[in-house]
Amino acid sequence: MSTALPNLQQLSICGGHKYSDGQDAIEATAAITADDTIHGIGMLSKFTKLRVLEIGDANYLTGSLGDLSPLKNTLEKVCIQKCRNISGNFMELADFPRLKELDLHNTAVTGDIQDICVDDFPVLERLSLPKNVRGGRGYEFQHVNEVPTFMHTIYVLLQRTPTLFTEFELSRAFDWRLSEDSPDWYADDELAKLIPILPLAPFQLRFIQSGSRRGWRWCNSKRNDSCEINWFGPEPSSDEIEEFLRRNVVGRVSLHRRVSLLLPSSGSHFAMQSTASAPESSNNMHLDNDETPEVLGTDEVAIIFGFLSPYDIMRARVCKTWRDAAKKTVVPPSDEYVEIHDPRSYNAVRVMSTALPNLEQLMISKLGSGHVYSDGDDPEEWDIDHINHITHDIDIISRFRKLRILDFFQAPLTGRYPVLFNFPLLQELSISYCQNLKFDLDMLRGFPLLEVLNVGDNQHLTGNISSLSPLKNTLKKLHIWTCLSVRGDFMDLADFSRLKNLFLYDTHVTGDIRDIKANDFPALESFYLPNTVHGGVNYEFRDVAEVPSFMHALHLLSQRTPALFSKDFLSEASGWKLSKDSPDWYEEIESVFPKPPFHLQFVRAGSRRGWSWCDFRRVNLCEINWLDPEPCCESSDYGTYIKELQDVERCVGFYRGYYQPPTEAEYRRLIED
């Protein structure tokens, strides 16, 4: 082949696949399988114009990298993978003046990255070395004390050629670790293997980048517990950072976009999320070519940080000025909120409580197996499984004095925590499925600006809803559900001038919908009341005779605020029915249909509304009790009214002539007939 294709520039050798030879001698690519005749890499030296050499999965191939020396003035790419019989020292290619990419993964090649000098590999852009090379992928160090000088060598190489290693390789530090044969190595504690929360031995390495600053540290195999960071070089000064911004940002670019230039790339642990451009205002600094930029102070940087997510701000604190700015930054609510959901995120929030105290949104949920929050006052007794759990101090969140949104979801809290109810700027509070958290509605006085309250499935919530009166000028949305110890009359909220949404499902709140007057609940748009309220969802009437006046009162209410009642509410009359304790109720006859009409439903024909008694299937109706007069025959709605009225009348058959449930005797006579 070397005589047939003397001008070959690209050669690919891959075991297990065979391709036809290229026809163009200049651009040709030859593929040779295990059945072909090339067995020594030295034979490739006859391709005197070879630029690209790719060999993969060819263990039959033998030879040393030194055999490629005749090609040193032509080779630009050498990729030899899974060829365990290819040996030699990778430094034998150090004087190849055109070599840009070198990949020797899974070969028998040896060497030491620290041997690379300034003049070696003059144009190399990409390097991947096998485990046998000191510093290759998966290399195992024999001693802990050899690592610092080695890491410094890698740092110098990166400064010379930043693209030499991929971001993935750098993030995992090439899977470097301490050898099990090292005198510094010891086995993981057996208990740590069984209990995930206990840290494993930190015998793996990891690169760290914070802004433009790099470092490295030891970590465990899961990379979730690490030693202190060993930084390369000193911490950059604020002047250096600002100069970086000036050199790299030109034109009309908002300040918060400039900060992102110093943050790690999207491949880092906390990916930078795109944010909307800042409004054109005095807070935006624009640099035209003829302008001299001003020095950024703490207040200016704090304005920039206000456009970033909390995690981006934490990563951007690369100097004292920026750390001071973070403490001043008001971090508004966003979709990328901070949440405590395991011990690691708890530790992050603990740091944020002093580094980023003006956080405005926080969610607190589960801590994970084996972790709980420290007990509050009057705690419930944990079961035996909780005795040895690790406790965490919930009081750290009291440092966030500017919280506006606070959400507790399945948080392992027990007892009373007054510190959780003292955030003067809070606007939204949600506490759900916190079964052992004890608090009273009266404690919400600590939130004078509260607009949204959502509390659900909390068996230890107590109090009367009248305790919410201090919030009558701020509260817009009130949801309390499955809290059976909450009591009071819902009419105590009638003068809440901004209340739009009221939901009190499965509570012991009482009252009567008929008590709502024209000026009550001036802003209310929807409500859901429990069956303990006269007219609440699934309410049971005690007497048939009380229903007509109730329906009339409800009709007047719906005319005042049409949006107050949902479509389902009107169609099914909110599940209303006659109580079994009513003197008008009687047992149904088994296996006989239709059943007694002890349920209620609203009826509509055109613009005319009414109601009727019906069976539980809502298909057999009594006569319609109309609430509106019949529309004029000349009205535009009359045709629709007549059509829909006919549909309604078809359901009035068995109980025709009855405007209320028949007596038991009348019902039995109807059945017999």
Foldseek 3Di string as FASTA:
>chain_A
DLVVQLQAAEEEEEEPDADDWDDDSPDIYHYDYQPDDAAEPLVVLSSQQHAYYHYYQHQSHAYEPLSNVSNLAHYAEHAHEQHARYEEEPQSNFSSARHAYYHHENYHYEEELLVRDPSTPPRHAEDADYCRYHQHQQDADQDPVVPPVSVVSVVVVCVVHVRHYDPVCQQQSSFYWHDPNHPPDDAFDPVCVVDVVDATDQTGKGWDDQFNWIWIWTGDPVRPGTDDTGTDDDQDELVVLVVVLVVPDAFQAFPLVSLVNRGDDCPDPDGWDDFDGDDPDPLGDHHYPPDDDDRDALCSLLSSCLRGAPVSLVSSCRYPRSQSSQCVHQHDDDPRAQEQAAPSSVVVVLVCLRSRLNYAEYEYAHHDPQEAADADPPWDDDPPSNPRGHYDHPLSNLSNQNHAYYEYYHHRYAEEDLSVQARQNHAEYAHENNARYADEPLSNVNHLQYAYYHYEDHQRYAYECLSCVSNLAHYAEYAYEQHARYEEEPQSNFSSARHAEEEHYNYHYEEEPLPRDPSTPVRYQEYADYLNYHQHALPADQEQVVPVVSVLSVVVVCVSHVRHADPVCQAQVNNYFHDPNHPQDDDFDPPAPDTWQGGKHKDDFQPWIWIFGGGPVRQATADTGTNDDQDDPPDPRNVSRVVRVVVVVVNHDLRYPDRTTDGPVVVVVSRVD
